Amino acid sequence: NMLNLPYETFGHYPPWEFKENSLLRNIYCDIYKEELNQIPKVKAIHAGLECGVFAAGIKDFDCISIGPALYDIHTTSERLSVSSTKKTYNIILKILEKLK
């Protein structure tokens, strides 16, 4: 570090690799299209997600990260879309039903 000050790092999330063939992602995309009549945006991003923690400990773990619309995340103005939360909840229920 430039100022020669002591520091400590913590909260490391292990990497989470994008799976080319993901049954869970395919199910999610199909249900999303059925429910919302839209094609979901599937992206691999660089972020500290819990999926990396699970994937690091479970061999061949298939996981996706989804959620409702959030605004001004990690600020005092952070907001959550209630209507988007309801849509996400309904999609999760349908995914669980399909995976039974």
PDB file of N, CA and C in Angstrom:
ATOM      1  N   ASN A   1       0.827  -1.187   0.000  1.00  0.00           N
ATOM      2  CA  ASN A   1       0.000   0.000   0.000  1.00  0.00           C
ATOM      3  C   ASN A   1       0.871   1.249   0.000  1.00  0.00           C
ATOM      4  N   MET A   2       0.372   2.314  -0.581  1.00  0.00           N
ATOM      5  CA  MET A   2       1.161   3.520  -0.815  1.00  0.00           C
ATOM      6  C   MET A   2       1.584   4.233   0.462  1.00  0.00           C
ATOM      7  N   LEU A   3       0.777   4.164   1.509  1.00  0.00           N
ATOM      8  CA  LEU A   3       1.074   4.898   2.737  1.00  0.00           C
ATOM      9  C   LEU A   3       1.775   4.046   3.793  1.00  0.00           C
ATOM     10  N   ASN A   4       2.033   2.802   3.463  1.00  0.00           N
ATOM     11  CA  ASN A   4       2.685   1.878   4.394  1.00  0.00           C
ATOM     12  C   ASN A   4       1.905   1.700   5.697  1.00  0.00           C
ATOM     13  N   LEU A   5       0.590   1.719   5.591  1.00  0.00           N
ATOM     14  CA  LEU A   5      -0.270   1.537   6.758  1.00  0.00           C
ATOM     15  C   LEU A   5      -0.681   0.073   6.867  1.00  0.00           C
ATOM     16  N   PRO A   6      -0.827  -0.423   8.078  1.00  0.00           N
ATOM     17  CA  PRO A   6      -1.284  -1.811   8.214  1.00  0.00           C
ATOM     18  C   PRO A   6      -2.748  -1.932   7.785  1.00  0.00           C
ATOM     19  N   TYR A   7      -3.106  -3.069   7.226  1.00  0.00           N
ATOM     20  CA  TYR A   7      -4.491  -3.314   6.833  1.00  0.00           C
ATOM     21  C   TYR A   7      -4.782  -4.809   6.885  1.00  0.00           C
ATOM     22  N   GLU A   8      -6.052  -5.127   6.897  1.00  0.00           N
ATOM     23  CA  GLU A   8      -6.493  -6.515   6.951  1.00  0.00           C
ATOM     24  C   GLU A   8      -7.628  -6.688   5.944  1.00  0.00           C
ATOM     25  N   THR A   9      -7.618  -7.791   5.232  1.00  0.00           N
ATOM     26  CA  THR A   9      -8.713  -8.083   4.317  1.00  0.00           C
ATOM     27  C   THR A   9      -9.523  -9.247   4.875  1.00  0.00           C
ATOM     28  N   PHE A  10     -10.803  -9.258   4.565  1.00  0.00           N
ATOM     29  CA  PHE A  10     -11.681 -10.330   5.025  1.00  0.00           C
ATOM     30  C   PHE A  10     -12.900 -10.380   4.121  1.00  0.00           C
ATOM     31  N   GLY A  11     -13.725 -11.388   4.313  1.00  0.00           N
ATOM     32  CA  GLY A  11     -14.957 -11.495   3.533  1.00  0.00           C
ATOM     33  C   GLY A  11     -14.737 -11.992   2.124  1.00  0.00           C
ATOM     34  N   HIS A  12     -13.713 -12.804   1.905  1.00  0.00           N
ATOM     35  CA  HIS A  12     -13.438 -13.316   0.567  1.00  0.00           C
ATOM     36  C   HIS A  12     -14.513 -14.314   0.137  1.00  0.00           C
ATOM     37  N   TYR A  13     -15.027 -14.136  -1.049  1.00  0.00           N
ATOM     38  CA  TYR A  13     -15.935 -15.098  -1.653  1.00  0.00           C
ATOM     39  C   TYR A  13     -15.168 -15.851  -2.731  1.00  0.00           C
ATOM     40  N   PRO A  14     -15.206 -17.188  -2.690  1.00  0.00           N
ATOM     41  CA  PRO A  14     -14.492 -17.938  -3.726  1.00  0.00           C
ATOM     42  C   PRO A  14     -15.130 -17.715  -5.094  1.00  0.00           C
ATOM     43  N   PRO A  15     -14.370 -17.932  -6.154  1.00  0.00           N
ATOM     44  CA  PRO A  15     -14.923 -17.735  -7.501  1.00  0.00           C
ATOM     45  C   PRO A  15     -16.044 -18.727  -7.786  1.00  0.00           C
ATOM     46  N   TRP A  16     -16.921 -18.317  -8.647  1.00  0.00           N
ATOM     47  CA  TRP A  16     -18.054 -19.143  -9.058  1.00  0.00           C
ATOM     48  C   TRP A  16     -18.059 -19.136 -10.575  1.00  0.00           C
ATOM     49  N   GLU A  17     -17.729 -20.270 -11.152  1.00  0.00           N
ATOM     50  CA  GLU A  17     -17.576 -20.364 -12.601  1.00  0.00           C
ATOM     51  C   GLU A  17     -18.925 -20.530 -13.301  1.00  0.00           C
ATOM     52  N   PHE A  18     -19.071 -19.880 -14.432  1.00  0.00           N
ATOM     53  CA  PHE A  18     -20.266 -20.001 -15.256  1.00  0.00           C
ATOM     54  C   PHE A  18     -20.305 -21.392 -15.871  1.00  0.00           C
ATOM     55  N   LYS A  19     -21.414 -22.107 -15.711  1.00  0.00           N
ATOM     56  CA  LYS A  19     -21.584 -23.435 -16.300  1.00  0.00           C
ATOM     57  C   LYS A  19     -22.251 -23.301 -17.658  1.00  0.00           C
ATOM     58  N   GLU A  20     -21.623 -23.865 -18.655  1.00  0.00           N
ATOM     59  CA  GLU A  20     -22.219 -23.830 -19.994  1.00  0.00           C
ATOM     60  C   GLU A  20     -23.542 -24.592 -20.021  1.00  0.00           C
ATOM     61  N   ASN A  21     -23.588 -25.735 -19.335  1.00  0.00           N
ATOM     62  CA  ASN A  21     -24.790 -26.565 -19.303  1.00  0.00           C
ATOM     63  C   ASN A  21     -25.344 -26.582 -17.889  1.00  0.00           C
ATOM     64  N   SER A  22     -26.386 -25.809 -17.666  1.00  0.00           N
ATOM     65  CA  SER A  22     -27.004 -25.717 -16.347  1.00  0.00           C
ATOM     66  C   SER A  22     -28.487 -26.054 -16.463  1.00  0.00           C
ATOM     67  N   LEU A  23     -28.882 -27.190 -15.907  1.00  0.00           N
ATOM     68  CA  LEU A  23     -30.285 -27.577 -15.915  1.00  0.00           C
ATOM     69  C   LEU A  23     -31.125 -26.539 -15.181  1.00  0.00           C
ATOM     70  N   LEU A  24     -30.630 -26.081 -14.029  1.00  0.00           N
ATOM     71  CA  LEU A  24     -31.375 -25.102 -13.239  1.00  0.00           C
ATOM     72  C   LEU A  24     -31.578 -23.798 -14.007  1.00  0.00           C
ATOM     73  N   ARG A  25     -30.535 -23.330 -14.684  1.00  0.00           N
ATOM     74  CA  ARG A  25     -30.663 -22.093 -15.462  1.00  0.00           C
ATOM     75  C   ARG A  25     -31.667 -22.276 -16.603  1.00  0.00           C
ATOM     76  N   ASN A  26     -31.642 -23.446 -17.250  1.00  0.00           N
ATOM     77  CA  ASN A  26     -32.585 -23.706 -18.342  1.00  0.00           C
ATOM     78  C   ASN A  26     -34.027 -23.707 -17.832  1.00  0.00           C
ATOM     79  N   ILE A  27     -34.259 -24.347 -16.680  1.00  0.00           N
ATOM     80  CA  ILE A  27     -35.594 -24.365 -16.091  1.00  0.00           C
ATOM     81  C   ILE A  27     -36.028 -22.942 -15.750  1.00  0.00           C
ATOM     82  N   TYR A  28     -35.134 -22.185 -15.113  1.00  0.00           N
ATOM     83  CA  TYR A  28     -35.444 -20.797 -14.759  1.00  0.00           C
ATOM     84  C   TYR A  28     -35.821 -19.988 -16.001  1.00  0.00           C
ATOM     85  N   CYS A  29     -35.029 -20.090 -17.054  1.00  0.00           N
ATOM     86  CA  CYS A  29     -35.289 -19.308 -18.271  1.00  0.00           C
ATOM     87  C   CYS A  29     -36.633 -19.680 -18.887  1.00  0.00           C
ATOM     88  N   ASP A  30     -36.948 -20.975 -18.910  1.00  0.00           N
ATOM     89  CA  ASP A  30     -38.239 -21.408 -19.463  1.00  0.00           C
ATOM     90  C   ASP A  30     -39.402 -20.837 -18.648  1.00  0.00           C
ATOM     91  N   ILE A  31     -39.314 -20.931 -17.335  1.00  0.00           N
ATOM     92  CA  ILE A  31     -40.388 -20.423 -16.467  1.00  0.00           C
ATOM     93  C   ILE A  31     -40.475 -18.905 -16.551  1.00  0.00           C
ATOM     94  N   TYR A  32     -39.348 -18.224 -16.588  1.00  0.00           N
ATOM     95  CA  TYR A  32     -39.328 -16.763 -16.707  1.00  0.00           C
ATOM     96  C   TYR A  32     -40.067 -16.333 -17.973  1.00  0.00           C
ATOM     97  N   LYS A  33     -39.768 -17.023 -19.091  1.00  0.00           N
ATOM     98  CA  LYS A  33     -40.432 -16.702 -20.365  1.00  0.00           C
ATOM     99  C   LYS A  33     -41.941 -16.936 -20.273  1.00  0.00           C
ATOM    100  N   GLU A  34     -42.330 -18.055 -19.656  1.00  0.00           N
ATOM    101  CA  GLU A  34     -43.754 -18.374 -19.506  1.00  0.00           C
ATOM    102  C   GLU A  34     -44.472 -17.342 -18.637  1.00  0.00           C
ATOM    103  N   GLU A  35     -43.855 -16.977 -17.523  1.00  0.00           N
ATOM    104  CA  GLU A  35     -44.498 -16.092 -16.550  1.00  0.00           C
ATOM    105  C   GLU A  35     -44.515 -14.625 -16.983  1.00  0.00           C
ATOM    106  N   LEU A  36     -43.417 -14.165 -17.558  1.00  0.00           N
ATOM    107  CA  LEU A  36     -43.276 -12.734 -17.839  1.00  0.00           C
ATOM    108  C   LEU A  36     -43.308 -12.391 -19.328  1.00  0.00           C
ATOM    109  N   ASN A  37     -43.383 -13.427 -20.161  1.00  0.00           N
ATOM    110  CA  ASN A  37     -43.409 -13.221 -21.611  1.00  0.00           C
ATOM    111  C   ASN A  37     -42.205 -12.398 -22.092  1.00  0.00           C
ATOM    112  N   GLN A  38     -41.066 -12.644 -21.459  1.00  0.00           N
ATOM    113  CA  GLN A  38     -39.805 -11.979 -21.810  1.00  0.00           C
ATOM    114  C   GLN A  38     -38.685 -12.999 -21.733  1.00  0.00           C
ATOM    115  N   ILE A  39     -37.614 -12.725 -22.431  1.00  0.00           N
ATOM    116  CA  ILE A  39     -36.420 -13.565 -22.339  1.00  0.00           C
ATOM    117  C   ILE A  39     -35.511 -12.966 -21.266  1.00  0.00           C
ATOM    118  N   PRO A  40     -35.125 -13.764 -20.259  1.00  0.00           N
ATOM    119  CA  PRO A  40     -34.281 -13.203 -19.193  1.00  0.00           C
ATOM    120  C   PRO A  40     -32.875 -12.895 -19.704  1.00  0.00           C
ATOM    121  N   LYS A  41     -32.245 -11.934 -19.096  1.00  0.00           N
ATOM    122  CA  LYS A  41     -30.855 -11.606 -19.407  1.00  0.00           C
ATOM    123  C   LYS A  41     -29.970 -12.502 -18.542  1.00  0.00           C
ATOM    124  N   VAL A  42     -29.198 -13.362 -19.181  1.00  0.00           N
ATOM    125  CA  VAL A  42     -28.284 -14.253 -18.467  1.00  0.00           C
ATOM    126  C   VAL A  42     -26.888 -13.673 -18.614  1.00  0.00           C
ATOM    127  N   LYS A  43     -26.269 -13.361 -17.458  1.00  0.00           N
ATOM    128  CA  LYS A  43     -24.950 -12.739 -17.482  1.00  0.00           C
ATOM    129  C   LYS A  43     -24.061 -13.368 -16.425  1.00  0.00           C
ATOM    130  N   ALA A  44     -22.798 -13.465 -16.735  1.00  0.00           N
ATOM    131  CA  ALA A  44     -21.792 -13.811 -15.735  1.00  0.00           C
ATOM    132  C   ALA A  44     -21.178 -12.488 -15.291  1.00  0.00           C
ATOM    133  N   ILE A  45     -21.202 -12.239 -13.979  1.00  0.00           N
ATOM    134  CA  ILE A  45     -20.674 -10.981 -13.463  1.00  0.00           C
ATOM    135  C   ILE A  45     -19.603 -11.254 -12.420  1.00  0.00           C
ATOM    136  N   HIS A  46     -18.831 -10.247 -12.118  1.00  0.00           N
ATOM    137  CA  HIS A  46     -17.822 -10.349 -11.065  1.00  0.00           C
ATOM    138  C   HIS A  46     -18.411  -9.702  -9.823  1.00  0.00           C
ATOM    139  N   ALA A  47     -18.789 -10.550  -8.863  1.00  0.00           N
ATOM    140  CA  ALA A  47     -19.377 -10.033  -7.627  1.00  0.00           C
ATOM    141  C   ALA A  47     -19.211 -11.078  -6.534  1.00  0.00           C
ATOM    142  N   GLY A  48     -19.258 -10.663  -5.303  1.00  0.00           N
ATOM    143  CA  GLY A  48     -19.184 -11.580  -4.174  1.00  0.00           C
ATOM    144  C   GLY A  48     -20.546 -12.179  -3.905  1.00  0.00           C
ATOM    145  N   LEU A  49     -20.796 -13.352  -4.442  1.00  0.00           N
ATOM    146  CA  LEU A  49     -22.088 -13.997  -4.265  1.00  0.00           C
ATOM    147  C   LEU A  49     -21.951 -15.272  -3.450  1.00  0.00           C
ATOM    148  N   GLU A  50     -22.973 -15.570  -2.684  1.00  0.00           N
ATOM    149  CA  GLU A  50     -22.970 -16.778  -1.865  1.00  0.00           C
ATOM    150  C   GLU A  50     -22.866 -18.035  -2.703  1.00  0.00           C
ATOM    151  N   CYS A  51     -23.286 -17.985  -3.952  1.00  0.00           N
ATOM    152  CA  CYS A  51     -23.195 -19.157  -4.831  1.00  0.00           C
ATOM    153  C   CYS A  51     -21.764 -19.677  -4.886  1.00  0.00           C
ATOM    154  N   GLY A  52     -20.792 -18.795  -4.861  1.00  0.00           N
ATOM    155  CA  GLY A  52     -19.386 -19.206  -4.882  1.00  0.00           C
ATOM    156  C   GLY A  52     -19.012 -20.011  -3.656  1.00  0.00           C
ATOM    157  N   VAL A  53     -19.576 -19.672  -2.512  1.00  0.00           N
ATOM    158  CA  VAL A  53     -19.299 -20.398  -1.273  1.00  0.00           C
ATOM    159  C   VAL A  53     -19.838 -21.819  -1.384  1.00  0.00           C
ATOM    160  N   PHE A  54     -21.076 -21.955  -1.826  1.00  0.00           N
ATOM    161  CA  PHE A  54     -21.672 -23.284  -1.987  1.00  0.00           C
ATOM    162  C   PHE A  54     -20.939 -24.090  -3.060  1.00  0.00           C
ATOM    163  N   ALA A  55     -20.666 -23.466  -4.199  1.00  0.00           N
ATOM    164  CA  ALA A  55     -20.013 -24.166  -5.308  1.00  0.00           C
ATOM    165  C   ALA A  55     -18.616 -24.635  -4.921  1.00  0.00           C
ATOM    166  N   ALA A  56     -17.943 -23.904  -4.042  1.00  0.00           N
ATOM    167  CA  ALA A  56     -16.600 -24.292  -3.617  1.00  0.00           C
ATOM    168  C   ALA A  56     -16.626 -25.565  -2.768  1.00  0.00           C
ATOM    169  N   GLY A  57     -17.739 -25.821  -2.096  1.00  0.00           N
ATOM    170  CA  GLY A  57     -17.810 -26.957  -1.193  1.00  0.00           C
ATOM    171  C   GLY A  57     -18.589 -28.152  -1.705  1.00  0.00           C
ATOM    172  N   ILE A  58     -19.308 -27.992  -2.818  1.00  0.00           N
ATOM    173  CA  ILE A  58     -20.144 -29.074  -3.337  1.00  0.00           C
ATOM    174  C   ILE A  58     -19.761 -29.343  -4.791  1.00  0.00           C
ATOM    175  N   LYS A  59     -19.229 -30.521  -5.038  1.00  0.00           N
ATOM    176  CA  LYS A  59     -18.783 -30.881  -6.392  1.00  0.00           C
ATOM    177  C   LYS A  59     -19.961 -30.863  -7.369  1.00  0.00           C
ATOM    178  N   ASP A  60     -19.748 -30.296  -8.546  1.00  0.00           N
ATOM    179  CA  ASP A  60     -20.746 -30.217  -9.622  1.00  0.00           C
ATOM    180  C   ASP A  60     -22.036 -29.503  -9.196  1.00  0.00           C
ATOM    181  N   PHE A  61     -21.917 -28.562  -8.292  1.00  0.00           N
ATOM    182  CA  PHE A  61     -23.078 -27.812  -7.799  1.00  0.00           C
ATOM    183  C   PHE A  61     -23.632 -26.941  -8.914  1.00  0.00           C
ATOM    184  N   ASP A  62     -24.924 -27.049  -9.168  1.00  0.00           N
ATOM    185  CA  ASP A  62     -25.590 -26.242 -10.190  1.00  0.00           C
ATOM    186  C   ASP A  62     -26.393 -25.166  -9.472  1.00  0.00           C
ATOM    187  N   CYS A  63     -26.030 -23.921  -9.672  1.00  0.00           N
ATOM    188  CA  CYS A  63     -26.743 -22.848  -8.988  1.00  0.00           C
ATOM    189  C   CYS A  63     -26.858 -21.632  -9.898  1.00  0.00           C
ATOM    190  N   ILE A  64     -27.845 -20.806  -9.591  1.00  0.00           N
ATOM    191  CA  ILE A  64     -28.034 -19.538 -10.287  1.00  0.00           C
ATOM    192  C   ILE A  64     -28.291 -18.472  -9.221  1.00  0.00           C
ATOM    193  N   SER A  65     -28.084 -17.253  -9.572  1.00  0.00           N
ATOM    194  CA  SER A  65     -28.371 -16.142  -8.671  1.00  0.00           C
ATOM    195  C   SER A  65     -29.440 -15.275  -9.330  1.00  0.00           C
ATOM    196  N   ILE A  66     -30.592 -15.187  -8.671  1.00  0.00           N
ATOM    197  CA  ILE A  66     -31.692 -14.370  -9.184  1.00  0.00           C
ATOM    198  C   ILE A  66     -32.225 -13.519  -8.037  1.00  0.00           C
ATOM    199  N   GLY A  67     -32.993 -12.530  -8.371  1.00  0.00           N
ATOM    200  CA  GLY A  67     -33.588 -11.720  -7.324  1.00  0.00           C
ATOM    201  C   GLY A  67     -34.434 -10.611  -7.891  1.00  0.00           C
ATOM    202  N   PRO A  68     -35.139  -9.925  -7.011  1.00  0.00           N
ATOM    203  CA  PRO A  68     -35.983  -8.812  -7.437  1.00  0.00           C
ATOM    204  C   PRO A  68     -35.151  -7.580  -7.789  1.00  0.00           C
ATOM    205  N   ALA A  69     -35.815  -6.602  -8.322  1.00  0.00           N
ATOM    206  CA  ALA A  69     -35.146  -5.346  -8.673  1.00  0.00           C
ATOM    207  C   ALA A  69     -34.774  -4.593  -7.395  1.00  0.00           C
ATOM    208  N   LEU A  70     -33.519  -4.204  -7.308  1.00  0.00           N
ATOM    209  CA  LEU A  70     -32.998  -3.422  -6.184  1.00  0.00           C
ATOM    210  C   LEU A  70     -32.403  -2.131  -6.732  1.00  0.00           C
ATOM    211  N   TYR A  71     -32.503  -1.080  -5.949  1.00  0.00           N
ATOM    212  CA  TYR A  71     -31.998   0.224  -6.386  1.00  0.00           C
ATOM    213  C   TYR A  71     -31.120   0.833  -5.304  1.00  0.00           C
ATOM    214  N   ASP A  72     -30.083   1.540  -5.720  1.00  0.00           N
ATOM    215  CA  ASP A  72     -29.154   2.224  -4.801  1.00  0.00           C
ATOM    216  C   ASP A  72     -28.642   1.281  -3.718  1.00  0.00           C
ATOM    217  N   ILE A  73     -28.213   0.104  -4.174  1.00  0.00           N
ATOM    218  CA  ILE A  73     -27.764  -0.958  -3.263  1.00  0.00           C
ATOM    219  C   ILE A  73     -26.580  -0.490  -2.419  1.00  0.00           C
ATOM    220  N   HIS A  74     -26.577  -0.896  -1.162  1.00  0.00           N
ATOM    221  CA  HIS A  74     -25.530  -0.600  -0.183  1.00  0.00           C
ATOM    222  C   HIS A  74     -25.410   0.898   0.116  1.00  0.00           C
ATOM    223  N   THR A  75     -26.532   1.590   0.025  1.00  0.00           N
ATOM    224  CA  THR A  75     -26.564   3.004   0.413  1.00  0.00           C
ATOM    225  C   THR A  75     -27.738   3.192   1.375  1.00  0.00           C
ATOM    226  N   THR A  76     -27.833   4.348   1.956  1.00  0.00           N
ATOM    227  CA  THR A  76     -28.966   4.632   2.834  1.00  0.00           C
ATOM    228  C   THR A  76     -30.264   4.825   2.044  1.00  0.00           C
ATOM    229  N   SER A  77     -30.169   4.865   0.721  1.00  0.00           N
ATOM    230  CA  SER A  77     -31.356   5.002  -0.130  1.00  0.00           C
ATOM    231  C   SER A  77     -31.757   3.680  -0.780  1.00  0.00           C
ATOM    232  N   GLU A  78     -31.194   2.569  -0.313  1.00  0.00           N
ATOM    233  CA  GLU A  78     -31.486   1.270  -0.926  1.00  0.00           C
ATOM    234  C   GLU A  78     -32.989   0.994  -0.896  1.00  0.00           C
ATOM    235  N   ARG A  79     -33.491   0.504  -2.053  1.00  0.00           N
ATOM    236  CA  ARG A  79     -34.913   0.213  -2.176  1.00  0.00           C
ATOM    237  C   ARG A  79     -35.112  -1.128  -2.871  1.00  0.00           C
ATOM    238  N   LEU A  80     -36.263  -1.742  -2.607  1.00  0.00           N
ATOM    239  CA  LEU A  80     -36.637  -3.028  -3.180  1.00  0.00           C
ATOM    240  C   LEU A  80     -37.987  -2.879  -3.850  1.00  0.00           C
ATOM    241  N   SER A  81     -38.112  -3.404  -5.053  1.00  0.00           N
ATOM    242  CA  SER A  81     -39.386  -3.379  -5.766  1.00  0.00           C
ATOM    243  C   SER A  81     -40.267  -4.512  -5.241  1.00  0.00           C
ATOM    244  N   VAL A  82     -41.397  -4.156  -4.648  1.00  0.00           N
ATOM    245  CA  VAL A  82     -42.320  -5.159  -4.101  1.00  0.00           C
ATOM    246  C   VAL A  82     -42.921  -6.000  -5.229  1.00  0.00           C
ATOM    247  N   SER A  83     -43.317  -5.379  -6.323  1.00  0.00           N
ATOM    248  CA  SER A  83     -43.916  -6.133  -7.437  1.00  0.00           C
ATOM    249  C   SER A  83     -42.897  -7.101  -8.042  1.00  0.00           C
ATOM    250  N   SER A  84     -41.655  -6.685  -8.131  1.00  0.00           N
ATOM    251  CA  SER A  84     -40.602  -7.553  -8.645  1.00  0.00           C
ATOM    252  C   SER A  84     -40.323  -8.705  -7.676  1.00  0.00           C
ATOM    253  N   THR A  85     -40.436  -8.441  -6.385  1.00  0.00           N
ATOM    254  CA  THR A  85     -40.251  -9.486  -5.376  1.00  0.00           C
ATOM    255  C   THR A  85     -41.334 -10.553  -5.526  1.00  0.00           C
ATOM    256  N   LYS A  86     -42.557 -10.134  -5.760  1.00  0.00           N
ATOM    257  CA  LYS A  86     -43.664 -11.078  -5.946  1.00  0.00           C
ATOM    258  C   LYS A  86     -43.420 -11.943  -7.179  1.00  0.00           C
ATOM    259  N   LYS A  87     -42.972 -11.345  -8.273  1.00  0.00           N
ATOM    260  CA  LYS A  87     -42.681 -12.108  -9.493  1.00  0.00           C
ATOM    261  C   LYS A  87     -41.563 -13.118  -9.239  1.00  0.00           C
ATOM    262  N   THR A  88     -40.511 -12.693  -8.546  1.00  0.00           N
ATOM    263  CA  THR A  88     -39.388 -13.584  -8.248  1.00  0.00           C
ATOM    264  C   THR A  88     -39.852 -14.745  -7.370  1.00  0.00           C
ATOM    265  N   TYR A  89     -40.657 -14.453  -6.378  1.00  0.00           N
ATOM    266  CA  TYR A  89     -41.195 -15.474  -5.477  1.00  0.00           C
ATOM    267  C   TYR A  89     -41.997 -16.521  -6.260  1.00  0.00           C
ATOM    268  N   ASN A  90     -42.872 -16.061  -7.141  1.00  0.00           N
ATOM    269  CA  ASN A  90     -43.686 -16.983  -7.937  1.00  0.00           C
ATOM    270  C   ASN A  90     -42.837 -17.846  -8.855  1.00  0.00           C
ATOM    271  N   ILE A  91     -41.800 -17.273  -9.427  1.00  0.00           N
ATOM    272  CA  ILE A  91     -40.895 -18.045 -10.284  1.00  0.00           C
ATOM    273  C   ILE A  91     -40.168 -19.105  -9.462  1.00  0.00           C
ATOM    274  N   ILE A  92     -39.711 -18.750  -8.277  1.00  0.00           N
ATOM    275  CA  ILE A  92     -39.027 -19.722  -7.416  1.00  0.00           C
ATOM    276  C   ILE A  92     -39.959 -20.873  -7.059  1.00  0.00           C
ATOM    277  N   LEU A  93     -41.212 -20.577  -6.748  1.00  0.00           N
ATOM    278  CA  LEU A  93     -42.181 -21.643  -6.452  1.00  0.00           C
ATOM    279  C   LEU A  93     -42.326 -22.594  -7.624  1.00  0.00           C
ATOM    280  N   LYS A  94     -42.398 -22.057  -8.833  1.00  0.00           N
ATOM    281  CA  LYS A  94     -42.548 -22.899 -10.027  1.00  0.00           C
ATOM    282  C   LYS A  94     -41.292 -23.725 -10.288  1.00  0.00           C
ATOM    283  N   ILE A  95     -40.122 -23.141 -10.038  1.00  0.00           N
ATOM    284  CA  ILE A  95     -38.870 -23.901 -10.193  1.00  0.00           C
ATOM    285  C   ILE A  95     -38.866 -25.081  -9.210  1.00  0.00           C
ATOM    286  N   LEU A  96     -39.213 -24.825  -7.971  1.00  0.00           N
ATOM    287  CA  LEU A  96     -39.231 -25.887  -6.965  1.00  0.00           C
ATOM    288  C   LEU A  96     -40.234 -26.981  -7.324  1.00  0.00           C
ATOM    289  N   GLU A  97     -41.373 -26.587  -7.858  1.00  0.00           N
ATOM    290  CA  GLU A  97     -42.366 -27.573  -8.276  1.00  0.00           C
ATOM    291  C   GLU A  97     -41.823 -28.448  -9.406  1.00  0.00           C
ATOM    292  N   LYS A  98     -41.127 -27.829 -10.335  1.00  0.00           N
ATOM    293  CA  LYS A  98     -40.570 -28.560 -11.484  1.00  0.00           C
ATOM    294  C   LYS A  98     -39.440 -29.507 -11.042  1.00  0.00           C
ATOM    295  N   LEU A  99     -38.711 -29.137  -9.996  1.00  0.00           N
ATOM    296  CA  LEU A  99     -37.587 -29.950  -9.532  1.00  0.00           C
ATOM    297  C   LEU A  99     -38.007 -31.059  -8.564  1.00  0.00           C
ATOM    298  N   LYS A 100     -39.285 -31.108  -8.187  1.00  0.00           N
ATOM    299  CA  LYS A 100     -39.774 -32.115  -7.239  1.00  0.00           C
ATOM    300  C   LYS A 100     -39.380 -33.507  -7.634  1.00  0.00           C
TER     301      LYS A 100
END
